[in-house]
Amino acid sequence: FNPTKTWRRWHRRVNVTQKRHAVATALAASSLPPLVMARGHRIGEVAELPLVVSDGLESIQKTKQAVETLKKLGCAEELQRVL
């Protein structure tokens, strides 16, 4: 990339149909373990992809609780990479 310029077009208009297609394609790709692992994620212990959790997870207030919950779901390897 060149240095940032004020006249660079940062936001481009994209057709709504193309946006919907991109979201659907990305969601479908996230359910294929080889593609997810190719992006560098460590998902060996995760039961299934995509990882869907209940709405009760939103009630967690502390980071420590969130980390423990993710470890129970099998995301310990991925957390080691992030933390």
PDB file of N, CA and C in Angstrom:
ATOM      1  N   PHE A   1       0.828  -1.198   0.000  1.00  0.00           N
ATOM      2  CA  PHE A   1       0.000   0.000   0.000  1.00  0.00           C
ATOM      3  C   PHE A   1       0.862   1.247   0.000  1.00  0.00           C
ATOM      4  N   ASN A   2       0.394   2.240  -0.675  1.00  0.00           N
ATOM      5  CA  ASN A   2       1.030   3.545  -0.603  1.00  0.00           C
ATOM      6  C   ASN A   2       0.672   4.206   0.719  1.00  0.00           C
ATOM      7  N   PRO A   3       1.362   5.262   1.054  1.00  0.00           N
ATOM      8  CA  PRO A   3       0.953   5.998   2.260  1.00  0.00           C
ATOM      9  C   PRO A   3      -0.494   6.453   2.147  1.00  0.00           C
ATOM     10  N   THR A   4      -1.145   6.539   3.276  1.00  0.00           N
ATOM     11  CA  THR A   4      -2.560   6.903   3.244  1.00  0.00           C
ATOM     12  C   THR A   4      -2.737   8.328   2.725  1.00  0.00           C
ATOM     13  N   LYS A   5      -3.667   8.466   1.866  1.00  0.00           N
ATOM     14  CA  LYS A   5      -3.985   9.772   1.276  1.00  0.00           C
ATOM     15  C   LYS A   5      -5.425  10.115   1.616  1.00  0.00           C
ATOM     16  N   THR A   6      -5.705  11.384   1.729  1.00  0.00           N
ATOM     17  CA  THR A   6      -7.062  11.795   2.075  1.00  0.00           C
ATOM     18  C   THR A   6      -8.027  11.568   0.931  1.00  0.00           C
ATOM     19  N   TRP A   7      -7.520  11.504  -0.302  1.00  0.00           N
ATOM     20  CA  TRP A   7      -8.416  11.356  -1.440  1.00  0.00           C
ATOM     21  C   TRP A   7      -8.631   9.899  -1.852  1.00  0.00           C
ATOM     22  N   ARG A   8      -8.072   8.967  -1.099  1.00  0.00           N
ATOM     23  CA  ARG A   8      -8.284   7.554  -1.415  1.00  0.00           C
ATOM     24  C   ARG A   8      -9.743   7.187  -1.147  1.00  0.00           C
ATOM     25  N   ARG A   9     -10.323   6.396  -2.017  1.00  0.00           N
ATOM     26  CA  ARG A   9     -11.712   5.956  -1.830  1.00  0.00           C
ATOM     27  C   ARG A   9     -11.726   4.777  -0.873  1.00  0.00           C
ATOM     28  N   TRP A  10     -11.961   5.050   0.412  1.00  0.00           N
ATOM     29  CA  TRP A  10     -11.962   4.011   1.424  1.00  0.00           C
ATOM     30  C   TRP A  10     -13.253   3.216   1.395  1.00  0.00           C
ATOM     31  N   HIS A  11     -14.355   3.843   1.079  1.00  0.00           N
ATOM     32  CA  HIS A  11     -15.657   3.182   1.077  1.00  0.00           C
ATOM     33  C   HIS A  11     -16.208   3.194  -0.340  1.00  0.00           C
ATOM     34  N   ARG A  12     -16.412   2.009  -0.841  1.00  0.00           N
ATOM     35  CA  ARG A  12     -16.966   1.890  -2.190  1.00  0.00           C
ATOM     36  C   ARG A  12     -18.345   1.255  -2.109  1.00  0.00           C
ATOM     37  N   ARG A  13     -19.228   1.708  -2.945  1.00  0.00           N
ATOM     38  CA  ARG A  13     -20.578   1.166  -2.963  1.00  0.00           C
ATOM     39  C   ARG A  13     -20.541  -0.219  -3.600  1.00  0.00           C
ATOM     40  N   VAL A  14     -21.158  -1.177  -2.900  1.00  0.00           N
ATOM     41  CA  VAL A  14     -21.223  -2.538  -3.402  1.00  0.00           C
ATOM     42  C   VAL A  14     -22.689  -2.934  -3.484  1.00  0.00           C
ATOM     43  N   ASN A  15     -23.034  -3.627  -4.536  1.00  0.00           N
ATOM     44  CA  ASN A  15     -24.395  -4.070  -4.752  1.00  0.00           C
ATOM     45  C   ASN A  15     -24.862  -4.939  -3.583  1.00  0.00           C
ATOM     46  N   VAL A  16     -26.131  -4.785  -3.176  1.00  0.00           N
ATOM     47  CA  VAL A  16     -26.684  -5.531  -2.040  1.00  0.00           C
ATOM     48  C   VAL A  16     -26.646  -7.030  -2.311  1.00  0.00           C
ATOM     49  N   THR A  17     -26.922  -7.440  -3.531  1.00  0.00           N
ATOM     50  CA  THR A  17     -26.899  -8.857  -3.875  1.00  0.00           C
ATOM     51  C   THR A  17     -25.493  -9.423  -3.704  1.00  0.00           C
ATOM     52  N   GLN A  18     -24.487  -8.656  -4.095  1.00  0.00           N
ATOM     53  CA  GLN A  18     -23.107  -9.106  -3.938  1.00  0.00           C
ATOM     54  C   GLN A  18     -22.729  -9.215  -2.461  1.00  0.00           C
ATOM     55  N   LYS A  19     -23.209  -8.267  -1.634  1.00  0.00           N
ATOM     56  CA  LYS A  19     -22.942  -8.329  -0.197  1.00  0.00           C
ATOM     57  C   LYS A  19     -23.552  -9.584   0.408  1.00  0.00           C
ATOM     58  N   ARG A  20     -24.794  -9.877   0.049  1.00  0.00           N
ATOM     59  CA  ARG A  20     -25.467 -11.062   0.578  1.00  0.00           C
ATOM     60  C   ARG A  20     -24.754 -12.334   0.142  1.00  0.00           C
ATOM     61  N   HIS A  21     -24.338 -12.370  -1.103  1.00  0.00           N
ATOM     62  CA  HIS A  21     -23.624 -13.537  -1.613  1.00  0.00           C
ATOM     63  C   HIS A  21     -22.295 -13.722  -0.875  1.00  0.00           C
ATOM     64  N   ALA A  22     -21.588 -12.620  -0.587  1.00  0.00           N
ATOM     65  CA  ALA A  22     -20.310 -12.694   0.115  1.00  0.00           C
ATOM     66  C   ALA A  22     -20.493 -13.220   1.540  1.00  0.00           C
ATOM     67  N   VAL A  23     -21.538 -12.783   2.221  1.00  0.00           N
ATOM     68  CA  VAL A  23     -21.798 -13.247   3.584  1.00  0.00           C
ATOM     69  C   VAL A  23     -22.140 -14.735   3.577  1.00  0.00           C
ATOM     70  N   ALA A  24     -22.981 -15.151   2.644  1.00  0.00           N
ATOM     71  CA  ALA A  24     -23.367 -16.558   2.565  1.00  0.00           C
ATOM     72  C   ALA A  24     -22.166 -17.438   2.238  1.00  0.00           C
ATOM     73  N   THR A  25     -21.305 -16.980   1.361  1.00  0.00           N
ATOM     74  CA  THR A  25     -20.116 -17.739   0.998  1.00  0.00           C
ATOM     75  C   THR A  25     -19.146 -17.847   2.169  1.00  0.00           C
ATOM     76  N   ALA A  26     -18.961 -16.748   2.900  1.00  0.00           N
ATOM     77  CA  ALA A  26     -18.058 -16.764   4.055  1.00  0.00           C
ATOM     78  C   ALA A  26     -18.579 -17.692   5.146  1.00  0.00           C
ATOM     79  N   LEU A  27     -19.881 -17.689   5.374  1.00  0.00           N
ATOM     80  CA  LEU A  27     -20.458 -18.570   6.385  1.00  0.00           C
ATOM     81  C   LEU A  27     -20.323 -20.031   5.972  1.00  0.00           C
ATOM     82  N   ALA A  28     -20.526 -20.315   4.695  1.00  0.00           N
ATOM     83  CA  ALA A  28     -20.380 -21.685   4.211  1.00  0.00           C
ATOM     84  C   ALA A  28     -18.920 -22.140   4.322  1.00  0.00           C
ATOM     85  N   ALA A  29     -17.987 -21.251   4.056  1.00  0.00           N
ATOM     86  CA  ALA A  29     -16.572 -21.606   4.137  1.00  0.00           C
ATOM     87  C   ALA A  29     -16.149 -21.849   5.580  1.00  0.00           C
ATOM     88  N   SER A  30     -16.792 -21.181   6.535  1.00  0.00           N
ATOM     89  CA  SER A  30     -16.413 -21.363   7.939  1.00  0.00           C
ATOM     90  C   SER A  30     -16.862 -22.704   8.491  1.00  0.00           C
ATOM     91  N   SER A  31     -17.654 -23.436   7.746  1.00  0.00           N
ATOM     92  CA  SER A  31     -18.106 -24.745   8.218  1.00  0.00           C
ATOM     93  C   SER A  31     -17.233 -25.883   7.688  1.00  0.00           C
ATOM     94  N   LEU A  32     -16.231 -25.558   6.890  1.00  0.00           N
ATOM     95  CA  LEU A  32     -15.328 -26.573   6.337  1.00  0.00           C
ATOM     96  C   LEU A  32     -13.999 -26.541   7.092  1.00  0.00           C
ATOM     97  N   PRO A  33     -13.726 -27.563   7.908  1.00  0.00           N
ATOM     98  CA  PRO A  33     -12.495 -27.560   8.717  1.00  0.00           C
ATOM     99  C   PRO A  33     -11.200 -27.358   7.933  1.00  0.00           C
ATOM    100  N   PRO A  34     -11.023 -27.939   6.748  1.00  0.00           N
ATOM    101  CA  PRO A  34      -9.761 -27.695   6.042  1.00  0.00           C
ATOM    102  C   PRO A  34      -9.541 -26.223   5.685  1.00  0.00           C
ATOM    103  N   LEU A  35     -10.609 -25.542   5.316  1.00  0.00           N
ATOM    104  CA  LEU A  35     -10.464 -24.123   4.976  1.00  0.00           C
ATOM    105  C   LEU A  35     -10.165 -23.287   6.206  1.00  0.00           C
ATOM    106  N   VAL A  36     -10.786 -23.632   7.337  1.00  0.00           N
ATOM    107  CA  VAL A  36     -10.549 -22.894   8.572  1.00  0.00           C
ATOM    108  C   VAL A  36      -9.119 -23.119   9.049  1.00  0.00           C
ATOM    109  N   MET A  37      -8.637 -24.362   8.962  1.00  0.00           N
ATOM    110  CA  MET A  37      -7.267 -24.659   9.380  1.00  0.00           C
ATOM    111  C   MET A  37      -6.249 -24.024   8.437  1.00  0.00           C
ATOM    112  N   ALA A  38      -6.600 -23.883   7.170  1.00  0.00           N
ATOM    113  CA  ALA A  38      -5.695 -23.246   6.221  1.00  0.00           C
ATOM    114  C   ALA A  38      -5.492 -21.771   6.550  1.00  0.00           C
ATOM    115  N   ARG A  39      -6.441 -21.165   7.230  1.00  0.00           N
ATOM    116  CA  ARG A  39      -6.303 -19.769   7.654  1.00  0.00           C
ATOM    117  C   ARG A  39      -5.473 -19.639   8.919  1.00  0.00           C
ATOM    118  N   GLY A  40      -5.027 -20.765   9.491  1.00  0.00           N
ATOM    119  CA  GLY A  40      -4.149 -20.714  10.645  1.00  0.00           C
ATOM    120  C   GLY A  40      -4.827 -20.937  11.981  1.00  0.00           C
ATOM    121  N   HIS A  41      -6.113 -21.239  11.980  1.00  0.00           N
ATOM    122  CA  HIS A  41      -6.820 -21.479  13.236  1.00  0.00           C
ATOM    123  C   HIS A  41      -6.578 -22.909  13.707  1.00  0.00           C
ATOM    124  N   ARG A  42      -6.474 -23.062  15.009  1.00  0.00           N
ATOM    125  CA  ARG A  42      -6.256 -24.394  15.602  1.00  0.00           C
ATOM    126  C   ARG A  42      -7.575 -24.881  16.166  1.00  0.00           C
ATOM    127  N   ILE A  43      -8.215 -25.782  15.445  1.00  0.00           N
ATOM    128  CA  ILE A  43      -9.567 -26.214  15.816  1.00  0.00           C
ATOM    129  C   ILE A  43      -9.637 -27.710  16.041  1.00  0.00           C
ATOM    130  N   GLY A  44      -8.529 -28.310  16.455  1.00  0.00           N
ATOM    131  CA  GLY A  44      -8.473 -29.761  16.596  1.00  0.00           C
ATOM    132  C   GLY A  44      -9.469 -30.319  17.603  1.00  0.00           C
ATOM    133  N   GLU A  45      -9.729 -29.600  18.691  1.00  0.00           N
ATOM    134  CA  GLU A  45     -10.591 -30.111  19.748  1.00  0.00           C
ATOM    135  C   GLU A  45     -12.033 -29.626  19.658  1.00  0.00           C
ATOM    136  N   VAL A  46     -12.343 -28.766  18.716  1.00  0.00           N
ATOM    137  CA  VAL A  46     -13.702 -28.248  18.576  1.00  0.00           C
ATOM    138  C   VAL A  46     -14.589 -29.357  18.037  1.00  0.00           C
ATOM    139  N   ALA A  47     -15.769 -29.510  18.660  1.00  0.00           N
ATOM    140  CA  ALA A  47     -16.658 -30.618  18.314  1.00  0.00           C
ATOM    141  C   ALA A  47     -17.168 -30.521  16.876  1.00  0.00           C
ATOM    142  N   GLU A  48     -17.670 -29.357  16.496  1.00  0.00           N
ATOM    143  CA  GLU A  48     -18.189 -29.191  15.136  1.00  0.00           C
ATOM    144  C   GLU A  48     -18.086 -27.730  14.725  1.00  0.00           C
ATOM    145  N   LEU A  49     -18.056 -27.515  13.440  1.00  0.00           N
ATOM    146  CA  LEU A  49     -18.007 -26.161  12.899  1.00  0.00           C
ATOM    147  C   LEU A  49     -19.248 -25.904  12.072  1.00  0.00           C
ATOM    148  N   PRO A  50     -19.798 -24.716  12.049  1.00  0.00           N
ATOM    149  CA  PRO A  50     -19.453 -23.570  12.873  1.00  0.00           C
ATOM    150  C   PRO A  50     -19.857 -23.807  14.325  1.00  0.00           C
ATOM    151  N   LEU A  51     -19.107 -23.226  15.228  1.00  0.00           N
ATOM    152  CA  LEU A  51     -19.348 -23.375  16.657  1.00  0.00           C
ATOM    153  C   LEU A  51     -20.513 -22.467  17.046  1.00  0.00           C
ATOM    154  N   VAL A  52     -21.646 -23.075  17.368  1.00  0.00           N
ATOM    155  CA  VAL A  52     -22.849 -22.321  17.718  1.00  0.00           C
ATOM    156  C   VAL A  52     -23.090 -22.482  19.209  1.00  0.00           C
ATOM    157  N   VAL A  53     -23.266 -21.357  19.903  1.00  0.00           N
ATOM    158  CA  VAL A  53     -23.508 -21.374  21.345  1.00  0.00           C
ATOM    159  C   VAL A  53     -24.846 -20.715  21.632  1.00  0.00           C
ATOM    160  N   SER A  54     -25.351 -20.926  22.844  1.00  0.00           N
ATOM    161  CA  SER A  54     -26.660 -20.372  23.210  1.00  0.00           C
ATOM    162  C   SER A  54     -26.535 -18.879  23.541  1.00  0.00           C
ATOM    163  N   ASP A  55     -27.666 -18.230  23.648  1.00  0.00           N
ATOM    164  CA  ASP A  55     -27.698 -16.805  23.972  1.00  0.00           C
ATOM    165  C   ASP A  55     -27.254 -16.535  25.402  1.00  0.00           C
ATOM    166  N   GLY A  56     -27.228 -17.551  26.236  1.00  0.00           N
ATOM    167  CA  GLY A  56     -26.798 -17.378  27.614  1.00  0.00           C
ATOM    168  C   GLY A  56     -25.341 -16.948  27.735  1.00  0.00           C
ATOM    169  N   LEU A  57     -24.561 -17.150  26.693  1.00  0.00           N
ATOM    170  CA  LEU A  57     -23.157 -16.758  26.704  1.00  0.00           C
ATOM    171  C   LEU A  57     -22.998 -15.239  26.769  1.00  0.00           C
ATOM    172  N   GLU A  58     -24.011 -14.502  26.333  1.00  0.00           N
ATOM    173  CA  GLU A  58     -23.946 -13.045  26.366  1.00  0.00           C
ATOM    174  C   GLU A  58     -24.010 -12.494  27.784  1.00  0.00           C
ATOM    175  N   SER A  59     -24.460 -13.294  28.731  1.00  0.00           N
ATOM    176  CA  SER A  59     -24.590 -12.809  30.100  1.00  0.00           C
ATOM    177  C   SER A  59     -23.264 -12.835  30.859  1.00  0.00           C
ATOM    178  N   ILE A  60     -22.218 -13.378  30.263  1.00  0.00           N
ATOM    179  CA  ILE A  60     -20.910 -13.427  30.925  1.00  0.00           C
ATOM    180  C   ILE A  60     -20.347 -12.012  30.999  1.00  0.00           C
ATOM    181  N   GLN A  61     -19.921 -11.620  32.210  1.00  0.00           N
ATOM    182  CA  GLN A  61     -19.430 -10.264  32.431  1.00  0.00           C
ATOM    183  C   GLN A  61     -17.907 -10.184  32.502  1.00  0.00           C
ATOM    184  N   LYS A  62     -17.255 -11.218  32.989  1.00  0.00           N
ATOM    185  CA  LYS A  62     -15.810 -11.182  33.209  1.00  0.00           C
ATOM    186  C   LYS A  62     -15.066 -11.931  32.110  1.00  0.00           C
ATOM    187  N   THR A  63     -13.902 -11.440  31.768  1.00  0.00           N
ATOM    188  CA  THR A  63     -13.071 -12.087  30.757  1.00  0.00           C
ATOM    189  C   THR A  63     -12.638 -13.472  31.218  1.00  0.00           C
ATOM    190  N   LYS A  64     -12.373 -13.614  32.508  1.00  0.00           N
ATOM    191  CA  LYS A  64     -11.948 -14.901  33.047  1.00  0.00           C
ATOM    192  C   LYS A  64     -13.020 -15.965  32.821  1.00  0.00           C
ATOM    193  N   GLN A  65     -14.284 -15.585  32.994  1.00  0.00           N
ATOM    194  CA  GLN A  65     -15.389 -16.518  32.756  1.00  0.00           C
ATOM    195  C   GLN A  65     -15.476 -16.872  31.275  1.00  0.00           C
ATOM    196  N   ALA A  66     -15.273 -15.876  30.414  1.00  0.00           N
ATOM    197  CA  ALA A  66     -15.351 -16.123  28.977  1.00  0.00           C
ATOM    198  C   ALA A  66     -14.242 -17.073  28.526  1.00  0.00           C
ATOM    199  N   VAL A  67     -13.039 -16.892  29.077  1.00  0.00           N
ATOM    200  CA  VAL A  67     -11.917 -17.765  28.716  1.00  0.00           C
ATOM    201  C   VAL A  67     -12.195 -19.190  29.169  1.00  0.00           C
ATOM    202  N   GLU A  68     -12.715 -19.358  30.374  1.00  0.00           N
ATOM    203  CA  GLU A  68     -13.040 -20.696  30.873  1.00  0.00           C
ATOM    204  C   GLU A  68     -14.104 -21.365  30.013  1.00  0.00           C
ATOM    205  N   THR A  69     -15.112 -20.608  29.606  1.00  0.00           N
ATOM    206  CA  THR A  69     -16.172 -21.160  28.760  1.00  0.00           C
ATOM    207  C   THR A  69     -15.614 -21.604  27.406  1.00  0.00           C
ATOM    208  N   LEU A  70     -14.753 -20.787  26.821  1.00  0.00           N
ATOM    209  CA  LEU A  70     -14.163 -21.155  25.537  1.00  0.00           C
ATOM    210  C   LEU A  70     -13.258 -22.374  25.661  1.00  0.00           C
ATOM    211  N   LYS A  71     -12.565 -22.510  26.796  1.00  0.00           N
ATOM    212  CA  LYS A  71     -11.741 -23.699  27.005  1.00  0.00           C
ATOM    213  C   LYS A  71     -12.604 -24.948  27.099  1.00  0.00           C
ATOM    214  N   LYS A  72     -13.768 -24.829  27.740  1.00  0.00           N
ATOM    215  CA  LYS A  72     -14.678 -25.975  27.851  1.00  0.00           C
ATOM    216  C   LYS A  72     -15.237 -26.370  26.488  1.00  0.00           C
ATOM    217  N   LEU A  73     -15.367 -25.394  25.590  1.00  0.00           N
ATOM    218  CA  LEU A  73     -15.885 -25.674  24.254  1.00  0.00           C
ATOM    219  C   LEU A  73     -14.816 -26.262  23.324  1.00  0.00           C
ATOM    220  N   GLY A  74     -13.563 -26.313  23.780  1.00  0.00           N
ATOM    221  CA  GLY A  74     -12.502 -26.916  22.965  1.00  0.00           C
ATOM    222  C   GLY A  74     -11.656 -25.919  22.222  1.00  0.00           C
ATOM    223  N   CYS A  75     -11.687 -24.667  22.614  1.00  0.00           N
ATOM    224  CA  CYS A  75     -10.927 -23.629  21.920  1.00  0.00           C
ATOM    225  C   CYS A  75      -9.637 -23.264  22.659  1.00  0.00           C
ATOM    226  N   ALA A  76      -9.102 -24.167  23.461  1.00  0.00           N
ATOM    227  CA  ALA A  76      -7.915 -23.860  24.267  1.00  0.00           C
ATOM    228  C   ALA A  76      -6.699 -23.567  23.395  1.00  0.00           C
ATOM    229  N   GLU A  77      -6.497 -24.339  22.325  1.00  0.00           N
ATOM    230  CA  GLU A  77      -5.350 -24.102  21.444  1.00  0.00           C
ATOM    231  C   GLU A  77      -5.435 -22.734  20.791  1.00  0.00           C
ATOM    232  N   GLU A  78      -6.614 -22.361  20.352  1.00  0.00           N
ATOM    233  CA  GLU A  78      -6.803 -21.059  19.705  1.00  0.00           C
ATOM    234  C   GLU A  78      -6.590 -19.926  20.712  1.00  0.00           C
ATOM    235  N   LEU A  79      -6.991 -20.140  21.949  1.00  0.00           N
ATOM    236  CA  LEU A  79      -6.786 -19.118  22.975  1.00  0.00           C
ATOM    237  C   LEU A  79      -5.305 -18.935  23.292  1.00  0.00           C
ATOM    238  N   GLN A  80      -4.546 -19.998  23.253  1.00  0.00           N
ATOM    239  CA  GLN A  80      -3.099 -19.875  23.489  1.00  0.00           C
ATOM    240  C   GLN A  80      -2.443 -19.015  22.419  1.00  0.00           C
ATOM    241  N   ARG A  81      -2.941 -19.098  21.228  1.00  0.00           N
ATOM    242  CA  ARG A  81      -2.392 -18.303  20.134  1.00  0.00           C
ATOM    243  C   ARG A  81      -2.725 -16.832  20.317  1.00  0.00           C
ATOM    244  N   VAL A  82      -3.900 -16.548  20.863  1.00  0.00           N
ATOM    245  CA  VAL A  82      -4.361 -15.168  21.014  1.00  0.00           C
ATOM    246  C   VAL A  82      -3.821 -14.539  22.294  1.00  0.00           C
ATOM    247  N   LEU A  83      -3.843 -15.297  23.399  1.00  0.00           N
ATOM    248  CA  LEU A  83      -3.422 -14.732  24.674  1.00  0.00           C
ATOM    249  C   LEU A  83      -1.973 -14.761  24.832  1.00  0.00           C
TER     250      LEU A  83
END
